[in-house]
Amino acid sequence: MRGKIIKGIAGFYYVYAEDGILYACKAKGIFRKDHTKPMVGDDVDMTVTHEGDKEGNITVIYDRKNSLVRPMVANVDQAMVIFAVDNPRPNFLLLDKFLIQMAYMGVPSVICFNKADLKGEEEGRALLDIYRPAGIPTVLLSLKREEGLEEVRELLSGRTTVLAGPSGVGKSSLSNLLQPDVVMETGEVSRKLQRGKHTTRHSQLLPLGQGTFLVDTPGFSSLFLPEALSWRSLRDYYPEFAPYEDKCRFQGCQHIHEPDCAVKEALEGGAISLVRYEGYQTLHQELYDKR
């Protein structure tokens, strides 16, 4: 039977199987010989060894399309980065670092600005305009009023998504609002996952039904750019620059001090957000100083 590992605790891997039941599984010894360790998010085959206790063995681990280190999770389809419109005010530099980090690992991002009820519609829309030229899906949310949830559900549907963002922006509230719609067969699922609940710092997938999973993980909030990222390649992580790259006077233009720069012309014309460009300048200098 096929399934997905949604949590690992003390040598047990909890597999959410295609029959909608959660099985506590052990990994076959062959994986140790191959130096393969199961990860949360792995797609696996399993056999049931004890129907009553819902126990089994993992027999096959399918090839991973990707794997993240923080959080430790495989086969991620996207990251949903959550910031607040206010309280706390968005730290755009931190947000850009999240986006760059995900893009560096090949994981597409979605941005949610929560607490839209704290500001007027015009201010909320202005936040969306910052990232629209980058082609990143961006949603205005008010979890307090439960506004924007349907758009979020649509973006999550059929995908495995990592939630990211600083404290106090509503990650837990969003997770809690989404979970009442979970279609699972038992209350034993939650009971099983209680084991090690307060001691583990491992990732966990929350099944939301119909092939949709949310990665619930502690502290996914690195403030650092990828170590191997260079100041020369930073521009590649700003998709809104791409349409203008070949119009710059100099090949390899960094869009900082060079004359006849099409990116800076687009900035002056309002086609690129000043917030994004100023963040690019700051991070470019940060990377240049580390060279």
Protein backbone atom coordinates (compact mmCIF):
# COMPACT_ATOMS: atom_id res chain seq x y z
CA MET A 1 0.00 0.00 0.00
CA ARG A 2 1.27 3.46 -0.86
CA GLY A 3 1.46 6.36 1.60
CA LYS A 4 3.39 9.40 2.80
CA ILE A 5 5.47 9.78 5.96
CA ILE A 6 3.94 12.58 7.99
CA LYS A 7 6.02 12.29 11.18
CA GLY A 8 8.99 10.43 12.62
CA ILE A 9 9.43 9.78 16.34
CA ALA A 10 11.87 7.45 18.12
CA GLY A 11 12.42 5.10 15.20
CA PHE A 12 8.75 4.99 14.15
CA TYR A 13 7.59 6.59 10.93
CA TYR A 14 3.92 7.50 10.81
CA VAL A 15 2.61 6.80 7.32
CA TYR A 16 -0.64 8.36 6.14
CA ALA A 17 -1.74 5.62 3.77
CA GLU A 18 -3.97 5.74 0.70
CA ASP A 19 -6.78 4.11 2.73
CA GLY A 20 -6.89 7.24 4.96
CA ILE A 21 -5.44 5.44 7.99
CA LEU A 22 -2.27 6.34 9.88
CA TYR A 23 0.18 3.47 10.43
CA ALA A 24 3.14 3.41 12.80
CA CYS A 25 5.89 1.86 10.69
CA LYS A 26 9.46 0.65 10.99
CA ALA A 27 11.90 0.98 8.11
CA LYS A 28 13.25 -2.28 6.68
CA GLY A 29 16.93 -3.03 7.39
CA ILE A 30 17.80 -2.77 3.71
CA PHE A 31 17.57 1.02 3.95
CA ARG A 32 20.31 1.11 6.60
CA LYS A 33 22.57 -0.94 4.33
CA ASP A 34 21.94 1.58 1.54
CA HIS A 35 22.56 4.47 3.97
CA THR A 36 19.05 5.70 3.24
CA LYS A 37 17.09 7.25 6.08
CA PRO A 38 13.37 7.90 5.67
CA MET A 39 12.31 11.54 5.88
CA VAL A 40 9.06 13.29 6.64
CA GLY A 41 7.45 13.90 3.26
CA ASP A 42 8.77 10.70 1.66
CA ASP A 43 6.39 8.81 -0.59
CA VAL A 44 6.63 5.15 0.38
CA ASP A 45 5.22 1.68 -0.04
CA MET A 46 4.32 -0.16 3.16
CA THR A 47 2.94 -3.49 4.29
CA VAL A 48 0.63 -3.90 7.28
CA THR A 49 2.09 -6.14 10.00
CA HIS A 50 -0.59 -5.66 12.67
CA GLU A 51 -4.03 -4.54 11.51
CA GLY A 52 -5.41 -3.99 15.01
CA ASP A 53 -2.61 -1.71 16.18
CA LYS A 54 -2.24 -0.11 12.75
CA GLU A 55 1.43 -1.03 12.46
CA GLY A 56 3.52 -1.82 9.40
CA ASN A 57 6.86 -1.84 7.62
CA ILE A 58 8.14 0.60 5.02
CA THR A 59 9.33 -1.46 2.05
CA VAL A 60 10.03 1.17 -0.65
CA ILE A 61 11.10 4.82 -0.49
CA TYR A 62 10.43 6.57 -3.79
CA ASP A 63 12.91 9.03 -5.29
CA ARG A 64 12.65 12.52 -3.80
CA LYS A 65 12.13 15.52 -6.03
CA ASN A 66 13.80 17.68 -3.35
CA SER A 67 14.69 17.74 0.33
CA LEU A 68 15.10 20.66 2.73
CA VAL A 69 17.40 20.79 5.73
CA ARG A 70 15.48 23.32 7.80
CA PRO A 71 12.87 21.96 8.16
CA MET A 72 13.90 18.36 7.48
CA VAL A 73 11.28 17.46 4.93
CA ALA A 74 11.17 15.93 1.44
CA ASN A 75 9.03 16.48 -1.65
CA VAL A 76 7.98 20.04 -0.90
CA ASP A 77 5.94 21.71 -3.65
CA GLN A 78 5.97 25.27 -2.36
CA ALA A 79 6.53 27.60 0.61
CA MET A 80 3.78 29.85 1.93
CA VAL A 81 5.47 32.84 3.52
CA ILE A 82 3.23 34.67 5.98
CA PHE A 83 3.74 38.24 7.17
CA ALA A 84 1.35 40.67 8.81
CA VAL A 85 0.07 43.89 7.29
CA ASP A 86 0.63 45.40 10.74
CA ASN A 87 1.41 44.34 14.31
CA PRO A 88 4.15 43.47 13.54
CA ARG A 89 4.86 45.66 10.52
CA PRO A 90 6.33 43.67 7.64
CA ASN A 91 10.09 43.42 7.49
CA PHE A 92 10.53 43.40 3.72
CA LEU A 93 14.23 42.56 3.88
CA LEU A 94 13.45 39.46 5.92
CA LEU A 95 10.69 38.54 3.49
CA ASP A 96 13.05 38.89 0.53
CA LYS A 97 15.58 36.67 2.29
CA PHE A 98 12.89 34.00 2.71
CA LEU A 99 12.00 34.24 -0.97
CA ILE A 100 15.64 34.02 -2.07
CA GLN A 101 16.27 31.07 0.23
CA MET A 102 13.33 29.14 -1.20
CA ALA A 103 14.18 30.02 -4.81
CA TYR A 104 17.78 28.91 -4.20
CA MET A 105 16.44 25.50 -3.15
CA GLY A 106 14.10 25.37 -6.15
CA VAL A 107 10.93 25.78 -4.10
CA PRO A 108 8.32 28.25 -5.44
CA SER A 109 6.82 30.71 -2.95
CA VAL A 110 3.43 32.17 -2.17
CA ILE A 111 3.09 35.27 0.04
CA CYS A 112 0.24 35.90 2.47
CA PHE A 113 -0.21 39.24 4.21
CA ASN A 114 -2.43 38.57 7.24
CA LYS A 115 -4.29 41.03 9.50
CA ALA A 116 -5.66 42.96 6.54
CA ASP A 117 -8.41 44.16 8.90
CA LEU A 118 -5.86 46.38 10.69
CA LYS A 119 -5.32 48.62 7.66
CA GLY A 120 -7.41 50.10 4.87
CA GLU A 121 -7.88 48.28 1.58
CA GLU A 122 -5.62 50.76 -0.24
CA GLU A 123 -2.67 49.99 2.05
CA GLY A 124 -3.25 46.28 1.70
CA ARG A 125 -3.32 46.49 -2.09
CA ALA A 126 -0.10 48.51 -2.04
CA LEU A 127 1.61 45.51 -0.42
CA LEU A 128 0.44 43.27 -3.24
CA ASP A 129 1.81 45.74 -5.79
CA ILE A 130 5.33 45.33 -4.35
CA TYR A 131 5.51 41.68 -5.39
CA ARG A 132 3.19 41.59 -8.41
CA PRO A 133 6.03 42.46 -10.88
CA ALA A 134 8.00 39.49 -9.48
CA GLY A 135 5.20 37.12 -10.47
CA ILE A 136 4.89 35.73 -6.94
CA PRO A 137 1.30 34.82 -5.97
CA THR A 138 0.32 37.16 -3.13
CA VAL A 139 -2.82 37.05 -0.99
CA LEU A 140 -4.39 39.48 1.47
CA LEU A 141 -5.77 37.66 4.52
CA SER A 142 -7.79 38.49 7.58
CA LEU A 143 -7.83 35.33 9.66
CA LYS A 144 -9.75 37.22 12.34
CA ARG A 145 -12.60 37.71 9.84
CA GLU A 146 -11.80 34.47 7.98
CA GLU A 147 -11.34 36.45 4.76
CA GLY A 148 -9.09 35.13 2.01
CA LEU A 149 -9.21 31.52 3.25
CA GLU A 150 -10.74 30.15 0.06
CA GLU A 151 -7.93 31.65 -2.01
CA VAL A 152 -5.40 30.08 0.37
CA ARG A 153 -7.11 26.68 0.16
CA GLU A 154 -6.97 26.88 -3.62
CA LEU A 155 -3.23 27.64 -3.53
CA LEU A 156 -2.62 24.74 -1.11
CA SER A 157 -4.81 22.20 -2.88
CA GLY A 158 -3.01 19.03 -3.93
CA ARG A 159 0.38 20.32 -2.80
CA THR A 160 2.79 19.88 0.10
CA THR A 161 3.44 23.35 1.50
CA VAL A 162 5.88 24.66 4.10
CA LEU A 163 4.62 27.54 6.26
CA ALA A 164 7.26 30.18 6.97
CA GLY A 165 7.38 33.58 8.60
CA PRO A 166 8.21 35.40 11.83
CA SER A 167 6.37 35.08 15.14
CA GLY A 168 3.03 36.73 15.67
CA VAL A 169 1.88 36.84 12.05
CA GLY A 170 -0.77 34.10 12.23
CA LYS A 171 0.90 30.85 11.11
CA SER A 172 -0.72 28.86 13.92
CA SER A 173 -4.08 30.54 13.40
CA LEU A 174 -4.03 29.65 9.71
CA SER A 175 -3.06 26.06 10.45
CA ASN A 176 -5.89 25.74 12.99
CA LEU A 177 -8.48 27.22 10.63
CA LEU A 178 -7.49 24.83 7.85
CA GLN A 179 -7.52 21.66 9.94
CA PRO A 180 -11.24 21.41 10.77
CA ASP A 181 -11.77 20.41 7.13
CA VAL A 182 -9.42 17.43 7.45
CA VAL A 183 -11.04 14.22 6.28
CA MET A 184 -9.37 11.40 8.20
CA GLU A 185 -10.83 8.20 9.49
CA THR A 186 -10.07 8.38 13.19
CA GLY A 187 -9.43 10.29 16.30
CA GLU A 188 -6.64 7.78 16.79
CA VAL A 189 -4.51 9.81 14.40
CA SER A 190 -4.27 12.69 16.83
CA ARG A 191 -3.77 10.29 19.74
CA LYS A 192 -0.91 8.53 17.97
CA LEU A 193 0.79 11.81 17.15
CA GLN A 194 0.67 12.84 20.80
CA ARG A 195 3.62 10.54 21.43
CA GLY A 196 6.68 12.73 21.79
CA LYS A 197 4.61 15.82 21.09
CA HIS A 198 6.32 17.99 23.67
CA THR A 199 9.84 16.65 23.16
CA THR A 200 10.30 16.36 19.42
CA ARG A 201 11.53 19.20 17.25
CA HIS A 202 11.03 17.26 14.04
CA SER A 203 8.85 18.30 11.15
CA GLN A 204 5.31 17.06 10.80
CA LEU A 205 2.93 17.02 7.85
CA LEU A 206 -0.68 17.89 8.53
CA PRO A 207 -2.93 16.03 6.04
CA LEU A 208 -5.69 18.37 4.87
CA GLY A 209 -7.34 15.87 2.55
CA GLN A 210 -7.22 15.23 -1.22
CA GLY A 211 -3.42 15.04 -1.41
CA THR A 212 -2.91 18.34 0.42
CA PHE A 213 -0.32 18.56 3.20
CA LEU A 214 0.91 21.40 5.38
CA VAL A 215 4.38 21.25 6.95
CA ASP A 216 4.11 22.10 10.64
CA THR A 217 7.61 22.74 11.92
CA PRO A 218 9.29 24.68 14.73
CA GLY A 219 11.30 27.78 13.96
CA PHE A 220 11.56 27.83 10.18
CA SER A 221 12.98 31.35 10.21
CA SER A 222 16.58 31.66 9.09
CA LEU A 223 17.76 35.24 8.64
CA PHE A 224 20.75 34.28 6.53
CA LEU A 225 21.19 34.07 2.79
CA PRO A 226 22.48 30.76 1.37
CA GLU A 227 26.23 30.44 1.97
CA ALA A 228 27.03 29.70 -1.67
CA LEU A 229 25.04 32.65 -3.03
CA SER A 230 27.31 35.30 -4.59
CA TRP A 231 26.75 39.01 -5.09
CA ARG A 232 27.06 38.43 -8.84
CA SER A 233 24.12 36.02 -8.98
CA LEU A 234 21.78 37.81 -6.55
CA ARG A 235 20.04 39.60 -9.44
CA ASP A 236 18.83 36.20 -10.71
CA TYR A 237 16.60 35.93 -7.63
CA TYR A 238 14.63 39.05 -8.52
CA PRO A 239 12.32 37.83 -11.32
CA GLU A 240 11.05 41.34 -12.02
CA PHE A 241 14.54 42.27 -13.32
CA ALA A 242 14.51 39.57 -16.01
CA PRO A 243 12.53 41.44 -18.74
CA TYR A 244 15.07 44.29 -18.67
CA GLU A 245 18.37 42.38 -18.33
CA ASP A 246 19.18 42.28 -22.05
CA LYS A 247 18.40 45.99 -22.46
CA CYS A 248 21.13 47.16 -20.10
CA ARG A 249 24.16 48.78 -21.71
CA PHE A 250 26.60 46.36 -20.05
CA GLN A 251 26.39 42.58 -20.12
CA GLY A 252 26.33 41.27 -16.58
CA CYS A 253 24.97 44.60 -15.28
CA GLN A 254 24.44 44.47 -11.52
CA HIS A 255 21.87 47.30 -11.65
CA ILE A 256 23.64 49.28 -8.95
CA HIS A 257 26.11 51.90 -10.26
CA GLU A 258 26.20 51.13 -14.00
CA PRO A 259 24.99 53.78 -16.47
CA ASP A 260 22.22 53.07 -18.99
CA CYS A 261 20.71 50.37 -16.77
CA ALA A 262 17.28 49.27 -17.98
CA VAL A 263 16.35 47.92 -14.54
CA LYS A 264 16.90 51.34 -12.95
CA GLU A 265 14.90 52.92 -15.77
CA ALA A 266 12.05 50.48 -15.05
CA LEU A 267 12.33 51.43 -11.39
CA GLU A 268 11.98 55.12 -12.23
CA GLY A 269 8.97 54.32 -14.40
CA GLY A 270 7.26 52.43 -11.56
CA ALA A 271 7.46 49.01 -13.22
CA ILE A 272 9.68 47.72 -10.39
CA SER A 273 8.93 48.36 -6.71
CA LEU A 274 11.26 50.73 -4.85
CA VAL A 275 10.89 48.52 -1.75
CA ARG A 276 12.19 45.52 -3.68
CA TYR A 277 15.00 47.45 -5.33
CA GLU A 278 16.21 48.95 -2.04
CA GLY A 279 16.20 45.46 -0.54
CA TYR A 280 18.24 44.24 -3.50
CA GLN A 281 20.80 47.03 -2.93
CA THR A 282 21.10 46.14 0.76
CA LEU A 283 21.53 42.40 0.16
CA HIS A 284 23.91 43.00 -2.75
CA GLN A 285 26.15 45.06 -0.46
CA GLU A 286 25.89 42.43 2.27
CA LEU A 287 27.06 39.71 -0.12
CA TYR A 288 29.72 41.93 -1.69
CA ASP A 289 31.21 42.64 1.75
CA LYS A 290 31.42 38.88 2.43
CA ARG A 291 33.26 38.05 -0.79
